[in-house]
C-alpha atoms as a PDB file:
ATOM      1  CA  MET A   1     -73.382 158.021 -91.286  1.00  0.00           C
ATOM      2  CA  LEU A   2     -73.549 160.949 -93.662  1.00  0.00           C
ATOM      3  CA  LEU A   3     -71.786 164.006 -92.233  1.00  0.00           C
ATOM      4  CA  PRO A   4     -72.116 167.629 -93.361  1.00  0.00           C
ATOM      5  CA  ALA A   5     -69.346 169.565 -95.060  1.00  0.00           C
ATOM      6  CA  LYS A   6     -66.261 170.118 -92.945  1.00  0.00           C
ATOM      7  CA  ASP A   7     -66.510 173.901 -93.262  1.00  0.00           C
ATOM      8  CA  GLU A   8     -70.046 173.757 -91.829  1.00  0.00           C
ATOM      9  CA  ILE A   9     -68.888 171.710 -88.853  1.00  0.00           C
ATOM     10  CA  ALA A  10     -65.896 174.009 -88.355  1.00  0.00           C
ATOM     11  CA  ARG A  11     -68.195 177.047 -88.367  1.00  0.00           C
ATOM     12  CA  HIS A  12     -70.530 175.557 -85.743  1.00  0.00           C
ATOM     13  CA  LEU A  13     -67.628 174.379 -83.605  1.00  0.00           C
ATOM     14  CA  GLU A  14     -66.174 177.895 -83.682  1.00  0.00           C
ATOM     15  CA  LEU A  15     -69.558 179.342 -82.644  1.00  0.00           C
ATOM     16  CA  TYR A  16     -69.831 176.800 -79.839  1.00  0.00           C
ATOM     17  CA  ARG A  17     -66.389 177.737 -78.492  1.00  0.00           C
ATOM     18  CA  ALA A  18     -67.164 181.478 -78.714  1.00  0.00           C
ATOM     19  CA  TRP A  19     -70.441 181.102 -76.792  1.00  0.00           C
ATOM     20  CA  GLU A  20     -68.703 178.835 -74.296  1.00  0.00           C
ATOM     21  CA  ARG A  21     -66.126 181.558 -73.567  1.00  0.00           C
ATOM     22  CA  MET A  22     -68.866 184.185 -73.216  1.00  0.00           C
ATOM     23  CA  MET A  23     -70.923 181.982 -70.907  1.00  0.00           C
ATOM     24  CA  LEU A  24     -67.909 181.213 -68.717  1.00  0.00           C
ATOM     25  CA  ALA A  25     -67.038 184.923 -68.548  1.00  0.00           C
ATOM     26  CA  ALA A  26     -70.587 185.843 -67.504  1.00  0.00           C
ATOM     27  CA  PRO A  27     -72.379 182.784 -66.056  1.00  0.00           C
ATOM     28  CA  SER A  28     -75.472 184.782 -65.105  1.00  0.00           C
ATOM     29  CA  ASP A  29     -76.018 186.013 -68.690  1.00  0.00           C
ATOM     30  CA  ARG A  30     -79.067 184.032 -69.799  1.00  0.00           C
ATOM     31  CA  ALA A  31     -78.666 184.975 -73.470  1.00  0.00           C
ATOM     32  CA  ALA A  32     -75.090 183.679 -73.557  1.00  0.00           C
ATOM     33  CA  ARG A  33     -76.130 180.444 -71.836  1.00  0.00           C
ATOM     34  CA  GLY A  34     -79.070 179.981 -74.211  1.00  0.00           C
ATOM     35  CA  ASN A  35     -76.907 180.521 -77.286  1.00  0.00           C
ATOM     36  CA  PHE A  36     -74.254 178.187 -75.877  1.00  0.00           C
ATOM     37  CA  GLU A  37     -76.860 175.467 -75.339  1.00  0.00           C
ATOM     38  CA  ASP A  38     -78.365 176.047 -78.801  1.00  0.00           C
ATOM     39  CA  THR A  39     -74.996 175.685 -80.538  1.00  0.00           C
ATOM     40  CA  GLY A  40     -74.286 172.577 -78.477  1.00  0.00           C
ATOM     41  CA  TYR A  41     -77.604 171.100 -79.604  1.00  0.00           C
ATOM     42  CA  THR A  42     -76.800 171.943 -83.233  1.00  0.00           C
ATOM     43  CA  LEU A  43     -73.470 170.128 -82.958  1.00  0.00           C
ATOM     44  CA  CYS A  44     -75.271 167.131 -81.445  1.00  0.00           C
ATOM     45  CA  VAL A  45     -77.599 166.988 -84.437  1.00  0.00           C
ATOM     46  CA  LEU A  46     -74.789 167.478 -86.968  1.00  0.00           C
ATOM     47  CA  MET A  47     -72.545 164.845 -85.397  1.00  0.00           C
ATOM     48  CA  GLY A  48     -75.261 162.386 -84.362  1.00  0.00           C
ATOM     49  CA  LYS A  49     -74.382 162.507 -80.659  1.00  0.00           C
ATOM     50  CA  ARG A  50     -76.572 162.752 -77.572  1.00  0.00           C
ATOM     51  CA  CYS A  51     -74.382 165.081 -75.539  1.00  0.00           C
ATOM     52  CA  ALA A  52     -72.677 168.329 -76.552  1.00  0.00           C
ATOM     53  CA  ARG A  53     -69.325 167.242 -75.121  1.00  0.00           C
ATOM     54  CA  GLU A  54     -69.365 164.075 -77.252  1.00  0.00           C
ATOM     55  CA  ALA A  55     -70.433 166.117 -80.291  1.00  0.00           C
ATOM     56  CA  VAL A  56     -67.549 168.564 -79.803  1.00  0.00           C
ATOM     57  CA  TYR A  57     -65.013 165.735 -79.516  1.00  0.00           C
ATOM     58  CA  ALA A  58     -66.480 164.016 -82.571  1.00  0.00           C
ATOM     59  CA  ALA A  59     -66.370 167.277 -84.563  1.00  0.00           C
ATOM     60  CA  GLU A  60     -62.751 167.902 -83.559  1.00  0.00           C
ATOM     61  CA  ARG A  61     -61.742 164.356 -84.538  1.00  0.00           C
ATOM     62  CA  TYR A  62     -63.643 164.629 -87.833  1.00  0.00           C
ATOM     63  CA  LEU A  63     -61.932 167.906 -88.726  1.00  0.00           C
ATOM     64  CA  ALA A  64     -58.495 166.681 -87.624  1.00  0.00           C
ATOM     65  CA  ALA A  65     -58.818 163.421 -89.568  1.00  0.00           C
ATOM     66  CA  GLY A  66     -59.724 165.287 -92.737  1.00  0.00           C
ATOM     67  CA  SER A  67     -56.794 167.671 -92.543  1.00  0.00           C
ATOM     68  CA  ALA A  68     -54.366 164.836 -91.762  1.00  0.00           C
ATOM     69  CA  ALA A  69     -55.666 162.805 -94.712  1.00  0.00           C
ATOM     70  CA  LEU A  70     -55.338 165.823 -97.011  1.00  0.00           C
ATOM     71  CA  ARG A  71     -51.741 166.427 -95.873  1.00  0.00           C
ATOM     72  CA  HIS A  72     -50.949 162.737 -96.404  1.00  0.00           C
ATOM     73  CA  GLU A  73     -52.500 162.752 -99.886  1.00  0.00           C
ATOM     74  CA  ARG A  74     -50.579 165.870-100.930  1.00  0.00           C
ATOM     75  CA  ALA A  75     -47.315 164.453 -99.579  1.00  0.00           C
ATOM     76  CA  ASN A  76     -47.787 161.250-101.566  1.00  0.00           C
ATOM     77  CA  ARG A  77     -48.358 163.160-104.792  1.00  0.00           C
ATOM     78  CA  GLY A  78     -45.113 165.079-104.357  1.00  0.00           C
ATOM     79  CA  SER A  79     -46.782 168.398-105.100  1.00  0.00           C
ATOM     80  CA  PRO A  80     -48.052 170.759-102.405  1.00  0.00           C
ATOM     81  CA  MET A  81     -51.208 171.425-104.409  1.00  0.00           C
ATOM     82  CA  GLY A  82     -51.507 167.987-105.959  1.00  0.00           C
ATOM     83  CA  GLY A  83     -51.727 167.297-109.638  1.00  0.00           C
ATOM     84  CA  PHE A  84     -54.434 166.528-112.141  1.00  0.00           C
ATOM     85  CA  PRO A  85     -54.518 162.852-113.002  1.00  0.00           C
ATOM     86  CA  GLU A  86     -55.305 162.384-116.667  1.00  0.00           C
ATOM     87  CA  HIS A  87     -57.840 159.676-116.058  1.00  0.00           C
ATOM     88  CA  ALA A  88     -59.537 158.246-113.024  1.00  0.00           C
ATOM     89  CA  GLY A  89     -61.105 154.899-113.706  1.00  0.00           C
ATOM     90  CA  GLY A  90     -61.283 155.581-117.435  1.00  0.00           C
ATOM     91  CA  LEU A  91     -63.090 158.924-117.030  1.00  0.00           C
ATOM     92  CA  ALA A  92     -61.602 162.377-117.371  1.00  0.00           C
ATOM     93  CA  ALA A  93     -60.800 163.697-113.892  1.00  0.00           C
ATOM     94  CA  ASN A  94     -60.668 167.398-114.727  1.00  0.00           C
ATOM     95  CA  PRO A  95     -63.277 169.733-116.238  1.00  0.00           C
ATOM     96  CA  ALA A  96     -63.847 169.288-119.958  1.00  0.00           C
ATOM     97  CA  GLY A  97     -61.543 166.242-119.969  1.00  0.00           C
ATOM     98  CA  ARG A  98     -58.440 168.222-120.967  1.00  0.00           C
ATOM     99  CA  ARG A  99     -54.940 167.542-119.724  1.00  0.00           C
ATOM    100  CA  PRO A 100     -53.411 170.280-117.496  1.00  0.00           C
ATOM    101  CA  ALA A 101     -50.935 171.264-120.246  1.00  0.00           C
ATOM    102  CA  ASP A 102     -53.876 171.971-122.585  1.00  0.00           C
ATOM    103  CA  MET A 103     -55.693 174.181-120.098  1.00  0.00           C
ATOM    104  CA  THR A 104     -55.276 177.913-120.533  1.00  0.00           C
ATOM    105  CA  ALA A 105     -56.604 180.873-118.596  1.00  0.00           C
END
């Protein structure tokens, strides 16, 4: 399944949590409940789930898995920001095909 960008999912998850807090603080506020339900529906569509609770869990797992994989990749490279490989599969991996030492500001 094709998933949207992680920053998009993070943004909608943050909105969902904010509306959830507002709805719980004022359960009779119809606007807060409507916005909470709308953001839940949006997460369902983004994550391909039928229920908002499942969509929230899926979004949290998706975001956590990405950050764990990024930390693992950086740790394996030995550099906190990672390096530029000269070639990836025979093609230049950085813009303009230059090595990092050749790149200037």
